[in-house]
Amino acid sequence: MRNAVLAWKDHGDEELDVLFAGLLAERIICVLKNILSTDVQVCVVPAPSSPKSVQSRGRAHMNILSIRIVQQINAYTQEQGSNCRAHMCPCLHIDAKIRKSVTASHRKERAERLSKGLLYEPQHAGDAEGSKRCTIILDDIVTSGATLRACVRLLRSRGEHVLAAFTLSDADRHTPDNAYYA
């Protein structure tokens, strides 16, 4: 799975957008089924890529996946008769002056770079209010967990209720079989 995700994001295997979005949406719906049956607004936040990565790939791959996942969540909640609605909220960005966090060799270095370069843009956070809103974060591959931890920390510092984070794969080949991955 890790190799497929790397090929998809780094080599333009755009035909996998639909497949990966479907897998991740299915897992999200399965895990959050009870939440999705309520009157909550779900803010889907894609983990950001560096501007340099977006430029070299020619696209913000997690934004594309997030849009498709939001559509699938909304189709599910509408079919279920729920008032829950999902929205893509691209409110996190990486400062162009900061090197990619994945180029850092250790977890501590990655966390340091992200703490300096992860930016929150409230105008892209959506407009649902307080207790009627929850946030989920989407990322492609977890390597050290530094990106997800930094995203959660920043979103919570801005008052977001971060409910969960979902990824397509884990770079650690020793992940327990019972871990939640699409």
Protein backbone atom coordinates (compact mmCIF):
# COMPACT_ATOMS: atom_id res chain seq x y z
CA MET A 1 0.00 0.00 0.00
CA ARG A 2 2.84 2.37 0.89
CA ASN A 3 4.43 1.94 -2.55
CA ALA A 4 1.10 2.55 -4.27
CA VAL A 5 0.56 5.74 -2.25
CA LEU A 6 4.08 6.98 -3.03
CA ALA A 7 3.59 6.31 -6.75
CA TRP A 8 0.23 8.07 -6.68
CA LYS A 9 1.50 11.21 -5.00
CA ASP A 10 4.97 11.49 -6.52
CA HIS A 11 4.54 10.11 -10.02
CA GLY A 12 1.18 11.48 -11.07
CA ASP A 13 -0.86 8.27 -10.86
CA GLU A 14 -4.04 10.35 -10.86
CA GLU A 15 -6.18 7.36 -11.81
CA LEU A 16 -5.80 6.25 -8.19
CA ASP A 17 -7.59 9.38 -6.88
CA VAL A 18 -11.00 7.71 -7.10
CA LEU A 19 -9.79 4.43 -5.60
CA PHE A 20 -7.93 6.02 -2.67
CA ALA A 21 -10.75 8.48 -1.96
CA GLY A 22 -13.22 5.59 -1.94
CA LEU A 23 -11.10 3.52 0.44
CA LEU A 24 -10.56 6.40 2.82
CA ALA A 25 -14.20 7.56 2.68
CA GLU A 26 -15.36 4.01 3.42
CA ARG A 27 -13.11 3.85 6.49
CA ILE A 28 -14.17 7.31 7.69
CA ILE A 29 -17.86 6.45 7.34
CA CYS A 30 -17.36 3.14 9.12
CA VAL A 31 -15.46 4.65 12.05
CA LEU A 32 -17.57 7.83 12.37
CA LYS A 33 -20.98 6.34 11.55
CA ASN A 34 -22.50 7.51 14.87
CA ILE A 35 -21.16 11.06 14.47
CA LEU A 36 -22.35 11.25 10.87
CA SER A 37 -25.93 10.48 11.98
CA THR A 38 -26.06 13.68 14.07
CA ASP A 39 -26.54 17.35 13.21
CA VAL A 40 -22.80 18.04 13.12
CA GLN A 41 -20.76 19.81 10.45
CA VAL A 42 -17.58 17.90 9.58
CA CYS A 43 -14.60 19.99 8.55
CA VAL A 44 -12.26 17.80 6.47
CA VAL A 45 -8.74 19.24 6.68
CA PRO A 46 -6.10 17.87 4.31
CA ALA A 47 -2.60 17.77 5.75
CA PRO A 48 -0.61 20.31 3.77
CA SER A 49 2.24 19.70 1.37
CA SER A 50 5.04 22.19 0.99
CA PRO A 51 4.59 24.71 -1.84
CA LYS A 52 7.65 23.19 -3.54
CA SER A 53 6.07 19.71 -3.45
CA VAL A 54 2.79 21.02 -4.85
CA GLN A 55 4.69 22.78 -7.64
CA SER A 56 6.78 19.73 -8.54
CA ARG A 57 3.74 17.40 -8.50
CA GLY A 58 1.54 19.90 -10.28
CA ARG A 59 -1.26 19.45 -7.76
CA ALA A 60 -2.19 19.40 -4.10
CA HIS A 61 -3.00 15.69 -4.02
CA MET A 62 -4.59 15.63 -0.55
CA ASN A 63 -6.90 18.52 -1.48
CA ILE A 64 -8.13 16.53 -4.47
CA LEU A 65 -8.68 13.46 -2.31
CA SER A 66 -10.44 15.56 0.36
CA ILE A 67 -12.92 16.98 -2.16
CA ARG A 68 -13.85 13.48 -3.32
CA ILE A 69 -14.14 12.22 0.27
CA VAL A 70 -16.41 15.13 1.24
CA GLN A 71 -18.67 14.26 -1.71
CA GLN A 72 -18.85 10.62 -0.59
CA ILE A 73 -19.54 11.53 3.05
CA ASN A 74 -22.30 13.90 1.98
CA ALA A 75 -23.83 11.30 -0.34
CA TYR A 76 -23.84 8.81 2.56
CA THR A 77 -25.38 11.25 5.09
CA GLN A 78 -28.02 12.36 2.58
CA GLU A 79 -28.90 8.72 1.87
CA GLN A 80 -29.20 8.13 5.63
CA GLY A 81 -31.42 11.19 6.07
CA SER A 82 -28.88 12.87 8.35
CA ASN A 83 -28.43 16.63 8.66
CA CYS A 84 -24.66 16.13 8.92
CA ARG A 85 -22.69 17.85 6.18
CA ALA A 86 -19.00 17.67 5.39
CA HIS A 87 -16.92 20.51 3.98
CA MET A 88 -13.35 20.57 2.73
CA CYS A 89 -11.43 23.10 4.82
CA PRO A 90 -7.93 23.69 3.39
CA CYS A 91 -6.93 25.88 6.35
CA LEU A 92 -3.42 24.50 6.92
CA HIS A 93 -0.41 25.47 4.84
CA ILE A 94 3.35 25.14 5.07
CA ASP A 95 5.40 28.31 4.84
CA ALA A 96 7.34 28.36 1.56
CA LYS A 97 10.53 29.28 3.43
CA ILE A 98 10.52 26.03 5.40
CA ARG A 99 12.03 22.87 3.90
CA LYS A 100 9.80 19.85 3.61
CA SER A 101 9.41 18.19 7.00
CA VAL A 102 9.99 14.75 5.49
CA THR A 103 13.54 15.76 4.55
CA ALA A 104 14.41 15.97 8.24
CA SER A 105 16.07 12.83 9.46
CA HIS A 106 14.57 12.52 12.93
CA ARG A 107 11.14 12.95 14.47
CA LYS A 108 12.37 15.85 16.60
CA GLU A 109 13.73 17.72 13.53
CA ARG A 110 10.45 17.20 11.67
CA ALA A 111 8.44 18.48 14.60
CA GLU A 112 10.70 21.54 14.90
CA ARG A 113 10.37 22.43 11.23
CA LEU A 114 6.61 22.02 11.31
CA SER A 115 6.23 24.09 14.48
CA LYS A 116 7.92 26.98 12.67
CA GLY A 117 6.33 26.57 9.27
CA LEU A 118 2.78 25.27 9.70
CA LEU A 119 0.29 28.07 9.13
CA TYR A 120 -3.45 28.33 9.89
CA GLU A 121 -5.67 30.38 7.57
CA PRO A 122 -9.05 30.90 9.28
CA GLN A 123 -10.73 32.11 6.09
CA HIS A 124 -10.44 28.52 4.80
CA ALA A 125 -11.62 26.86 8.02
CA GLY A 126 -15.34 26.93 7.23
CA ASP A 127 -18.08 28.66 9.15
CA ALA A 128 -19.90 26.03 11.21
CA GLU A 129 -20.01 27.00 14.87
CA GLY A 130 -18.81 25.46 18.14
CA SER A 131 -20.28 22.20 19.35
CA LYS A 132 -22.02 21.56 16.03
CA ARG A 133 -18.68 21.20 14.28
CA CYS A 134 -15.89 18.65 14.35
CA THR A 135 -12.69 18.36 12.39
CA ILE A 136 -10.98 15.39 10.82
CA ILE A 137 -7.51 15.49 9.32
CA LEU A 138 -6.48 13.53 6.23
CA ASP A 139 -2.92 12.61 5.30
CA ASP A 140 -1.37 10.25 2.80
CA ILE A 141 1.38 8.45 4.73
CA VAL A 142 2.35 8.58 8.41
CA THR A 143 6.11 8.38 8.81
CA SER A 144 6.87 9.63 12.30
CA GLY A 145 3.49 11.18 13.13
CA ALA A 146 5.08 14.64 13.43
CA THR A 147 2.88 16.17 10.71
CA LEU A 148 -0.36 14.87 12.21
CA ARG A 149 0.65 15.92 15.73
CA ALA A 150 1.56 19.42 14.51
CA CYS A 151 -1.73 19.71 12.60
CA VAL A 152 -3.76 18.60 15.63
CA ARG A 153 -1.87 20.94 17.96
CA LEU A 154 -2.34 23.98 15.68
CA LEU A 155 -6.02 23.28 14.95
CA ARG A 156 -6.81 22.77 18.64
CA SER A 157 -4.96 25.99 19.53
CA ARG A 158 -7.37 27.74 17.14
CA GLY A 159 -10.42 26.26 18.86
CA GLU A 160 -11.09 23.40 16.47
CA HIS A 161 -12.53 20.17 17.88
CA VAL A 162 -10.25 17.61 16.19
CA LEU A 163 -12.11 14.33 16.29
CA ALA A 164 -9.85 12.04 14.25
CA ALA A 165 -7.06 11.73 11.72
CA PHE A 166 -7.10 9.25 8.84
CA THR A 167 -4.26 8.16 6.57
CA LEU A 168 -3.91 5.87 3.58
CA SER A 169 -0.78 4.14 4.84
CA ASP A 170 1.91 3.96 7.48
CA ALA A 171 5.59 3.99 6.54
CA ASP A 172 6.36 1.71 9.49
CA ARG A 173 6.34 -1.86 8.22
CA HIS A 174 5.84 -3.09 11.79
CA THR A 175 2.40 -1.58 12.33
CA PRO A 176 0.05 -3.84 14.28
CA ASP A 177 -2.52 -5.66 12.15
CA ASN A 178 -5.39 -4.08 14.07
CA ALA A 179 -4.45 -0.45 13.27
CA TYR A 180 -7.06 1.62 11.43
CA TYR A 181 -5.91 2.28 7.89
CA ALA A 182 -7.88 2.33 4.68
